[in-house]
C-alpha atoms as a PDB file:
ATOM      1  CA  MET A   1       0.000   0.000   0.000  1.00  0.00           C
ATOM      2  CA  LYS A   2       2.845   2.381   0.909  1.00  0.00           C
ATOM      3  CA  LYS A   3       4.538   1.651  -2.410  1.00  0.00           C
ATOM      4  CA  LEU A   4       1.305   2.416  -4.267  1.00  0.00           C
ATOM      5  CA  ILE A   5       0.866   5.721  -2.413  1.00  0.00           C
ATOM      6  CA  SER A   6       4.492   6.676  -3.071  1.00  0.00           C
ATOM      7  CA  LYS A   7       3.912   6.105  -6.800  1.00  0.00           C
ATOM      8  CA  ILE A   8       0.606   8.006  -6.952  1.00  0.00           C
ATOM      9  CA  LEU A   9       1.647  10.978  -4.784  1.00  0.00           C
ATOM     10  CA  PRO A  10       3.995  12.624  -7.358  1.00  0.00           C
ATOM     11  CA  PHE A  11       1.202  12.609  -9.968  1.00  0.00           C
ATOM     12  CA  ILE A  12      -1.214  14.193  -7.475  1.00  0.00           C
ATOM     13  CA  LEU A  13       1.329  16.928  -6.672  1.00  0.00           C
ATOM     14  CA  ILE A  14       1.955  17.592 -10.387  1.00  0.00           C
ATOM     15  CA  ALA A  15      -1.785  17.800 -11.075  1.00  0.00           C
ATOM     16  CA  ALA A  16      -2.278  20.184  -8.133  1.00  0.00           C
ATOM     17  CA  THR A  17       0.582  22.399  -9.350  1.00  0.00           C
ATOM     18  CA  ILE A  18      -0.870  22.527 -12.875  1.00  0.00           C
ATOM     19  CA  THR A  19      -4.296  23.467 -11.474  1.00  0.00           C
ATOM     20  CA  VAL A  20      -2.843  26.283  -9.329  1.00  0.00           C
ATOM     21  CA  GLU A  21      -0.836  27.641 -12.287  1.00  0.00           C
ATOM     22  CA  ALA A  22      -3.897  27.535 -14.541  1.00  0.00           C
ATOM     23  CA  GLN A  23      -5.972  29.408 -11.952  1.00  0.00           C
ATOM     24  CA  GLU A  24      -3.232  32.017 -11.538  1.00  0.00           C
ATOM     25  CA  ALA A  25      -3.115  32.478 -15.313  1.00  0.00           C
ATOM     26  CA  LYS A  26      -6.904  32.826 -15.577  1.00  0.00           C
ATOM     27  CA  GLN A  27      -6.990  35.435 -12.793  1.00  0.00           C
ATOM     28  CA  LEU A  28      -4.268  37.413 -14.550  1.00  0.00           C
ATOM     29  CA  ILE A  29      -6.107  37.199 -17.891  1.00  0.00           C
ATOM     30  CA  ARG A  30      -9.278  38.510 -16.250  1.00  0.00           C
ATOM     31  CA  LYS A  31      -7.245  41.514 -15.041  1.00  0.00           C
ATOM     32  CA  VAL A  32      -6.028  42.068 -18.616  1.00  0.00           C
ATOM     33  CA  VAL A  33      -9.588  42.092 -19.978  1.00  0.00           C
ATOM     34  CA  GLU A  34     -10.713  44.541 -17.292  1.00  0.00           C
ATOM     35  CA  ALA A  35      -7.650  46.765 -17.838  1.00  0.00           C
ATOM     36  CA  ASN A  36      -8.805  47.211 -21.430  1.00  0.00           C
ATOM     37  CA  GLY A  37     -12.302  48.229 -20.360  1.00  0.00           C
ATOM     38  CA  GLY A  38     -13.957  44.846 -19.895  1.00  0.00           C
ATOM     39  CA  LYS A  39     -16.046  42.708 -22.236  1.00  0.00           C
ATOM     40  CA  ASP A  40     -19.225  44.406 -21.010  1.00  0.00           C
ATOM     41  CA  GLY A  41     -17.625  47.761 -21.770  1.00  0.00           C
ATOM     42  CA  LEU A  42     -17.062  46.669 -25.371  1.00  0.00           C
ATOM     43  CA  HIS A  43     -20.547  45.221 -25.867  1.00  0.00           C
ATOM     44  CA  LYS A  44     -22.214  48.334 -24.455  1.00  0.00           C
ATOM     45  CA  LEU A  45     -20.853  50.131 -27.512  1.00  0.00           C
ATOM     46  CA  LYS A  46     -22.960  47.817 -29.725  1.00  0.00           C
ATOM     47  CA  ASP A  47     -21.011  48.101 -33.002  1.00  0.00           C
ATOM     48  CA  VAL A  48     -18.047  49.803 -34.664  1.00  0.00           C
ATOM     49  CA  SER A  49     -16.750  51.160 -37.962  1.00  0.00           C
ATOM     50  CA  TYR A  50     -13.125  52.008 -38.708  1.00  0.00           C
ATOM     51  CA  ASP A  51     -10.596  52.395 -41.512  1.00  0.00           C
ATOM     52  CA  TYR A  52      -8.048  49.592 -41.630  1.00  0.00           C
ATOM     53  CA  SER A  53      -4.666  49.467 -43.341  1.00  0.00           C
ATOM     54  CA  PHE A  54      -2.609  46.270 -43.553  1.00  0.00           C
ATOM     55  CA  MET A  55       0.795  47.286 -44.905  1.00  0.00           C
ATOM     56  CA  VAL A  56       4.048  45.483 -45.781  1.00  0.00           C
ATOM     57  CA  LYS A  57       6.284  48.543 -45.997  1.00  0.00           C
ATOM     58  CA  ASP A  58       9.419  46.792 -47.268  1.00  0.00           C
ATOM     59  CA  ASN A  59       7.470  45.523 -50.281  1.00  0.00           C
ATOM     60  CA  ASN A  60       5.324  48.682 -50.596  1.00  0.00           C
ATOM     61  CA  ILE A  61       2.078  46.706 -50.733  1.00  0.00           C
ATOM     62  CA  GLU A  62      -1.123  47.259 -48.759  1.00  0.00           C
ATOM     63  CA  ASP A  63      -4.694  46.123 -48.156  1.00  0.00           C
ATOM     64  CA  VAL A  64      -7.105  48.933 -47.222  1.00  0.00           C
ATOM     65  CA  SER A  65     -10.650  48.304 -46.019  1.00  0.00           C
ATOM     66  CA  LYS A  66     -13.607  49.938 -44.334  1.00  0.00           C
ATOM     67  CA  GLU A  67     -14.489  47.576 -41.452  1.00  0.00           C
ATOM     68  CA  ARG A  68     -17.846  47.302 -39.667  1.00  0.00           C
ATOM     69  CA  TYR A  69     -18.716  44.919 -36.810  1.00  0.00           C
ATOM     70  CA  ILE A  70     -21.690  44.112 -34.600  1.00  0.00           C
ATOM     71  CA  PHE A  71     -20.361  42.735 -31.311  1.00  0.00           C
ATOM     72  CA  ASP A  72     -23.440  40.645 -30.501  1.00  0.00           C
ATOM     73  CA  GLY A  73     -22.984  37.633 -32.791  1.00  0.00           C
ATOM     74  CA  GLU A  74     -19.541  38.768 -34.008  1.00  0.00           C
ATOM     75  CA  VAL A  75     -20.983  39.998 -37.291  1.00  0.00           C
ATOM     76  CA  SER A  76     -18.305  41.391 -39.601  1.00  0.00           C
ATOM     77  CA  PHE A  77     -18.344  43.314 -42.899  1.00  0.00           C
ATOM     78  CA  ALA A  78     -15.615  44.956 -44.992  1.00  0.00           C
ATOM     79  CA  GLU A  79     -15.326  46.755 -48.298  1.00  0.00           C
ATOM     80  CA  TYR A  80     -11.813  46.922 -49.766  1.00  0.00           C
ATOM     81  CA  THR A  81     -10.464  49.929 -51.638  1.00  0.00           C
ATOM     82  CA  LYS A  82      -6.958  48.490 -52.064  1.00  0.00           C
ATOM     83  CA  ARG A  83      -5.980  44.828 -52.485  1.00  0.00           C
ATOM     84  CA  GLU A  84      -2.280  43.990 -52.680  1.00  0.00           C
ATOM     85  CA  VAL A  85      -1.539  41.526 -49.844  1.00  0.00           C
ATOM     86  CA  TYR A  86      -4.175  38.994 -48.688  1.00  0.00           C
ATOM     87  CA  ALA A  87      -7.398  40.428 -50.151  1.00  0.00           C
ATOM     88  CA  ILE A  88      -7.194  38.255 -53.317  1.00  0.00           C
ATOM     89  CA  PRO A  89      -5.098  40.749 -55.359  1.00  0.00           C
ATOM     90  CA  GLN A  90      -4.996  38.268 -58.241  1.00  0.00           C
ATOM     91  CA  MET A  91      -8.744  38.566 -58.871  1.00  0.00           C
ATOM     92  CA  PRO A  92      -9.810  41.369 -61.247  1.00  0.00           C
ATOM     93  CA  GLY A  93     -12.517  43.746 -60.095  1.00  0.00           C
ATOM     94  CA  LYS A  94     -13.057  47.044 -58.330  1.00  0.00           C
ATOM     95  CA  THR A  95     -15.479  46.623 -55.405  1.00  0.00           C
ATOM     96  CA  TYR A  96     -14.589  43.683 -53.145  1.00  0.00           C
ATOM     97  CA  THR A  97     -16.707  42.946 -50.071  1.00  0.00           C
ATOM     98  CA  GLN A  98     -16.731  40.300 -47.346  1.00  0.00           C
ATOM     99  CA  PHE A  99     -19.634  39.639 -44.980  1.00  0.00           C
ATOM    100  CA  PHE A 100     -19.885  37.235 -42.038  1.00  0.00           C
ATOM    101  CA  ASP A 101     -23.382  37.148 -40.533  1.00  0.00           C
ATOM    102  CA  GLY A 102     -22.398  35.141 -37.451  1.00  0.00           C
ATOM    103  CA  ASN A 103     -22.902  31.792 -39.194  1.00  0.00           C
ATOM    104  CA  LYS A 104     -21.584  31.929 -42.746  1.00  0.00           C
ATOM    105  CA  SER A 105     -19.452  34.169 -44.948  1.00  0.00           C
ATOM    106  CA  VAL A 106     -20.191  35.600 -48.384  1.00  0.00           C
ATOM    107  CA  SER A 107     -17.657  37.472 -50.522  1.00  0.00           C
ATOM    108  CA  THR A 108     -18.544  39.492 -53.621  1.00  0.00           C
ATOM    109  CA  MET A 109     -16.637  41.171 -56.424  1.00  0.00           C
ATOM    110  CA  ASP A 110     -18.481  44.001 -58.159  1.00  0.00           C
ATOM    111  CA  GLY A 111     -21.728  42.702 -56.703  1.00  0.00           C
ATOM    112  CA  LYS A 112     -21.294  39.072 -57.832  1.00  0.00           C
ATOM    113  CA  VAL A 113     -20.890  36.303 -55.248  1.00  0.00           C
ATOM    114  CA  ILE A 114     -17.450  34.656 -55.350  1.00  0.00           C
ATOM    115  CA  ALA A 115     -18.071  30.927 -55.709  1.00  0.00           C
ATOM    116  CA  GLU A 116     -14.495  29.675 -56.145  1.00  0.00           C
ATOM    117  CA  GLN A 117     -13.500  27.748 -53.035  1.00  0.00           C
ATOM    118  CA  GLN A 118     -10.086  29.286 -52.284  1.00  0.00           C
ATOM    119  CA  PRO A 119     -11.059  32.996 -52.657  1.00  0.00           C
ATOM    120  CA  ALA A 120     -14.263  32.351 -50.694  1.00  0.00           C
ATOM    121  CA  PHE A 121     -12.230  30.650 -47.947  1.00  0.00           C
ATOM    122  CA  TYR A 122      -9.852  33.618 -47.729  1.00  0.00           C
ATOM    123  CA  GLY A 123     -12.817  35.951 -47.366  1.00  0.00           C
ATOM    124  CA  HIS A 124     -14.078  33.859 -44.452  1.00  0.00           C
ATOM    125  CA  ILE A 125     -10.662  33.747 -42.772  1.00  0.00           C
ATOM    126  CA  LEU A 126     -10.149  37.505 -43.143  1.00  0.00           C
ATOM    127  CA  ARG A 127     -13.568  38.245 -41.632  1.00  0.00           C
ATOM    128  CA  LYS A 128     -12.817  36.094 -38.605  1.00  0.00           C
ATOM    129  CA  THR A 129      -9.200  37.306 -38.320  1.00  0.00           C
ATOM    130  CA  ASN A 130      -9.847  41.050 -38.622  1.00  0.00           C
ATOM    131  CA  TYR A 131     -12.665  40.860 -36.080  1.00  0.00           C
ATOM    132  CA  TYR A 132     -10.435  38.898 -33.716  1.00  0.00           C
ATOM    133  CA  TRP A 133      -7.540  41.385 -33.936  1.00  0.00           C
ATOM    134  CA  PHE A 134      -9.881  44.267 -33.101  1.00  0.00           C
ATOM    135  CA  THR A 135     -11.591  42.525 -30.146  1.00  0.00           C
ATOM    136  CA  MET A 136      -8.819  40.135 -29.023  1.00  0.00           C
ATOM    137  CA  MET A 137      -8.090  41.825 -25.679  1.00  0.00           C
ATOM    138  CA  PHE A 138     -11.755  41.389 -24.698  1.00  0.00           C
ATOM    139  CA  LYS A 139     -11.931  37.715 -25.775  1.00  0.00           C
ATOM    140  CA  LEU A 140      -8.935  36.348 -23.863  1.00  0.00           C
ATOM    141  CA  ALA A 141     -11.143  34.770 -21.173  1.00  0.00           C
ATOM    142  CA  ASP A 142     -13.773  33.319 -23.533  1.00  0.00           C
ATOM    143  CA  PRO A 143     -15.023  29.753 -22.847  1.00  0.00           C
ATOM    144  CA  GLY A 144     -12.773  27.102 -24.369  1.00  0.00           C
ATOM    145  CA  VAL A 145      -9.611  29.216 -24.155  1.00  0.00           C
ATOM    146  CA  ASN A 146      -6.843  27.606 -22.075  1.00  0.00           C
ATOM    147  CA  HIS A 147      -4.178  29.501 -20.097  1.00  0.00           C
ATOM    148  CA  LYS A 148      -0.906  28.529 -18.457  1.00  0.00           C
ATOM    149  CA  MET A 149       1.692  30.609 -16.615  1.00  0.00           C
ATOM    150  CA  LEU A 150       5.211  30.570 -18.043  1.00  0.00           C
ATOM    151  CA  PRO A 151       8.405  32.028 -16.526  1.00  0.00           C
ATOM    152  CA  ALA A 152       8.716  35.832 -16.661  1.00  0.00           C
ATOM    153  CA  ARG A 153      10.672  37.400 -19.523  1.00  0.00           C
ATOM    154  CA  ASP A 154      12.671  40.655 -19.632  1.00  0.00           C
ATOM    155  CA  VAL A 155      12.226  42.945 -22.646  1.00  0.00           C
ATOM    156  CA  ASP A 156      13.819  46.410 -22.823  1.00  0.00           C
ATOM    157  CA  GLY A 157      13.995  46.769 -19.042  1.00  0.00           C
ATOM    158  CA  THR A 158      10.480  45.511 -18.308  1.00  0.00           C
ATOM    159  CA  THR A 159       9.893  42.146 -16.627  1.00  0.00           C
ATOM    160  CA  TYR A 160       6.760  40.786 -18.257  1.00  0.00           C
ATOM    161  CA  LYS A 161       4.350  38.233 -16.835  1.00  0.00           C
ATOM    162  CA  ILE A 162       3.972  35.505 -19.451  1.00  0.00           C
ATOM    163  CA  VAL A 163       0.849  33.473 -20.188  1.00  0.00           C
ATOM    164  CA  GLU A 164       0.534  30.757 -22.817  1.00  0.00           C
ATOM    165  CA  MET A 165      -2.884  30.665 -24.470  1.00  0.00           C
ATOM    166  CA  THR A 166      -4.254  27.745 -26.487  1.00  0.00           C
ATOM    167  CA  PHE A 167      -7.687  26.823 -27.812  1.00  0.00           C
ATOM    168  CA  GLY A 168     -10.031  23.892 -27.315  1.00  0.00           C
ATOM    169  CA  GLU A 169     -11.725  22.000 -30.119  1.00  0.00           C
ATOM    170  CA  ASN A 170     -14.097  24.139 -32.217  1.00  0.00           C
ATOM    171  CA  ILE A 171     -12.771  27.321 -30.573  1.00  0.00           C
ATOM    172  CA  GLY A 172     -11.269  29.844 -32.985  1.00  0.00           C
ATOM    173  CA  GLU A 173     -10.086  28.875 -36.432  1.00  0.00           C
ATOM    174  CA  SER A 174      -7.712  26.139 -35.279  1.00  0.00           C
ATOM    175  CA  SER A 175      -6.971  24.327 -32.028  1.00  0.00           C
ATOM    176  CA  ASP A 176      -3.319  24.194 -33.189  1.00  0.00           C
ATOM    177  CA  ASP A 177      -2.889  27.951 -32.722  1.00  0.00           C
ATOM    178  CA  LYS A 178      -0.844  29.128 -29.740  1.00  0.00           C
ATOM    179  CA  TYR A 179      -0.248  32.559 -28.237  1.00  0.00           C
ATOM    180  CA  ILE A 180       2.454  33.679 -25.787  1.00  0.00           C
ATOM    181  CA  LEU A 181       1.205  36.867 -24.102  1.00  0.00           C
ATOM    182  CA  TYR A 182       3.570  39.476 -22.603  1.00  0.00           C
ATOM    183  CA  ILE A 183       1.617  41.259 -19.853  1.00  0.00           C
ATOM    184  CA  ASN A 184       2.926  44.584 -18.590  1.00  0.00           C
ATOM    185  CA  PRO A 185       2.955  44.411 -14.748  1.00  0.00           C
ATOM    186  CA  GLU A 186       2.134  48.130 -14.407  1.00  0.00           C
ATOM    187  CA  THR A 187      -0.757  48.457 -16.880  1.00  0.00           C
ATOM    188  CA  ASN A 188      -1.974  44.819 -16.994  1.00  0.00           C
ATOM    189  CA  ARG A 189      -2.177  45.264 -20.771  1.00  0.00           C
ATOM    190  CA  ILE A 190      -0.406  43.173 -23.386  1.00  0.00           C
ATOM    191  CA  ASP A 191       2.509  45.021 -25.013  1.00  0.00           C
ATOM    192  CA  GLN A 192       3.419  42.181 -27.363  1.00  0.00           C
ATOM    193  CA  PHE A 193       2.666  38.536 -28.045  1.00  0.00           C
ATOM    194  CA  LEU A 194       3.886  35.566 -30.056  1.00  0.00           C
ATOM    195  CA  TYR A 195       1.451  33.547 -32.161  1.00  0.00           C
ATOM    196  CA  ASN A 196       1.040  31.278 -35.137  1.00  0.00           C
ATOM    197  CA  ALA A 197      -1.776  31.350 -37.695  1.00  0.00           C
ATOM    198  CA  THR A 198      -2.458  27.863 -38.979  1.00  0.00           C
ATOM    199  CA  GLY A 199      -5.606  29.081 -40.777  1.00  0.00           C
ATOM    200  CA  PHE A 200      -3.242  30.838 -43.182  1.00  0.00           C
ATOM    201  CA  GLY A 201      -0.914  27.822 -43.255  1.00  0.00           C
ATOM    202  CA  VAL A 202       1.614  29.548 -40.953  1.00  0.00           C
ATOM    203  CA  THR A 203       2.820  27.145 -38.268  1.00  0.00           C
ATOM    204  CA  GLU A 204       5.967  29.085 -37.311  1.00  0.00           C
ATOM    205  CA  PRO A 205       5.512  31.960 -34.839  1.00  0.00           C
ATOM    206  CA  SER A 206       5.441  35.702 -35.396  1.00  0.00           C
ATOM    207  CA  ILE A 207       5.942  38.465 -32.855  1.00  0.00           C
ATOM    208  CA  MET A 208       3.234  41.157 -32.641  1.00  0.00           C
ATOM    209  CA  LYS A 209       3.864  44.509 -30.943  1.00  0.00           C
ATOM    210  CA  VAL A 210       0.824  46.545 -29.875  1.00  0.00           C
ATOM    211  CA  LYS A 211      -0.017  50.184 -29.129  1.00  0.00           C
ATOM    212  CA  TYR A 212      -3.354  51.368 -27.735  1.00  0.00           C
ATOM    213  CA  GLU A 213      -5.714  54.329 -27.755  1.00  0.00           C
ATOM    214  CA  LYS A 214      -8.499  54.873 -25.231  1.00  0.00           C
ATOM    215  CA  ILE A 215     -11.746  55.493 -27.127  1.00  0.00           C
ATOM    216  CA  ASP A 216     -15.172  55.759 -25.489  1.00  0.00           C
ATOM    217  CA  GLY A 217     -13.895  54.220 -22.258  1.00  0.00           C
ATOM    218  CA  ILE A 218     -12.091  51.178 -23.694  1.00  0.00           C
ATOM    219  CA  TYR A 219      -8.555  50.552 -24.937  1.00  0.00           C
ATOM    220  CA  ILE A 220      -8.256  49.614 -28.617  1.00  0.00           C
ATOM    221  CA  SER A 221      -5.034  48.368 -30.245  1.00  0.00           C
ATOM    222  CA  THR A 222      -4.965  50.977 -33.014  1.00  0.00           C
ATOM    223  CA  TYR A 223      -1.417  50.111 -34.125  1.00  0.00           C
ATOM    224  CA  ARG A 224       0.138  46.683 -34.482  1.00  0.00           C
ATOM    225  CA  LYS A 225       3.187  45.358 -36.268  1.00  0.00           C
ATOM    226  CA  TYR A 226       4.379  41.787 -36.655  1.00  0.00           C
ATOM    227  CA  ALA A 227       7.356  39.903 -38.065  1.00  0.00           C
ATOM    228  CA  PRO A 228       8.782  36.353 -38.068  1.00  0.00           C
ATOM    229  CA  ALA A 229      10.171  35.232 -34.703  1.00  0.00           C
ATOM    230  CA  ASP A 230      10.929  32.184 -32.575  1.00  0.00           C
ATOM    231  CA  TRP A 231       8.936  31.089 -29.509  1.00  0.00           C
ATOM    232  CA  ASP A 232      11.529  32.757 -27.248  1.00  0.00           C
ATOM    233  CA  GLY A 233      10.533  36.142 -28.665  1.00  0.00           C
ATOM    234  CA  ASN A 234      13.560  36.749 -30.894  1.00  0.00           C
ATOM    235  CA  LYS A 235      12.720  38.432 -34.201  1.00  0.00           C
ATOM    236  CA  LYS A 236      13.967  36.594 -37.276  1.00  0.00           C
ATOM    237  CA  GLU A 237      14.969  38.031 -40.618  1.00  0.00           C
ATOM    238  CA  GLY A 238      11.959  39.373 -42.478  1.00  0.00           C
ATOM    239  CA  PRO A 239       9.907  42.547 -42.924  1.00  0.00           C
ATOM    240  CA  TRP A 240       7.552  44.095 -40.399  1.00  0.00           C
ATOM    241  CA  THR A 241       3.910  44.125 -41.443  1.00  0.00           C
ATOM    242  CA  GLU A 242       2.063  47.101 -39.972  1.00  0.00           C
ATOM    243  CA  GLN A 243      -1.645  47.419 -39.167  1.00  0.00           C
ATOM    244  CA  TYR A 244      -3.328  50.796 -38.643  1.00  0.00           C
ATOM    245  CA  THR A 245      -6.830  51.283 -37.198  1.00  0.00           C
ATOM    246  CA  LYS A 246      -8.173  54.814 -37.702  1.00  0.00           C
ATOM    247  CA  ASN A 247     -11.441  56.779 -37.505  1.00  0.00           C
ATOM    248  CA  VAL A 248     -12.966  54.428 -34.921  1.00  0.00           C
ATOM    249  CA  LYS A 249     -16.688  55.102 -34.393  1.00  0.00           C
ATOM    250  CA  PHE A 250     -18.971  53.102 -32.083  1.00  0.00           C
ATOM    251  CA  ASN A 251     -22.777  52.895 -31.816  1.00  0.00           C
ATOM    252  CA  ASN A 252     -23.584  53.293 -35.512  1.00  0.00           C
ATOM    253  CA  GLY A 253     -26.927  51.478 -35.298  1.00  0.00           C
ATOM    254  CA  TYR A 254     -25.865  48.560 -37.481  1.00  0.00           C
ATOM    255  CA  ASN A 255     -27.980  45.443 -37.995  1.00  0.00           C
ATOM    256  CA  LEU A 256     -27.781  42.539 -40.450  1.00  0.00           C
ATOM    257  CA  GLU A 257     -29.707  44.501 -43.071  1.00  0.00           C
ATOM    258  CA  ASN A 258     -27.853  47.828 -43.040  1.00  0.00           C
ATOM    259  CA  ILE A 259     -24.277  46.924 -42.079  1.00  0.00           C
ATOM    260  CA  SER A 260     -23.274  46.365 -45.729  1.00  0.00           C
ATOM    261  CA  LYS A 261     -24.942  49.555 -47.056  1.00  0.00           C
END
């Protein structure tokens, strides 16, 4: 009996340690969400419109879109005025739109529905991705998201609290995605994070650096830039891609019928 207990005890201690670390991580993530204004603070604003630029400066190429979201149901619409990076630049046409109604996505070019599988898939991924980048700091504690504390890391004189974030089945675009969040101990906001994007076929990590503006009582990441990196946070060779969010306006009165007009 003693031998059995001595064999089981280490596993019990490991399980207890993992549980404590997970709880510590979840409590910290809740502080991050509240430091940005809280999920309720976001949803009180009902909906949003903004101008979005996705720019690879080294290559002088850019996607530019007018984005509109309804937070209840995560409805997302965009009309593109420039398409040089991910917004199917190879497809001829002038007016390109994407619409996710909370269940399915529809993309159009000059008013005609895009039926080809790959361009339609990219429209769906961009709707989900752009919405996630805008609302990410309010979704960190969503059901099905897993958190784990990692050792602290020093960056430019700041000792960051580090949380690993992964996703359960049917949560997000892929359960293979992983995020390493760098939480500023003074602001409780995320200054940078590491991530991969398997929905775009990118399994290797990138590093994303974030800057915020406080608008209508919540903090929005209005500037982001990312580049190839390793999971230790070291940037690899490759260009920075920059993302600008401008002219943010909440409470526009959007619904499923008028959001695309």
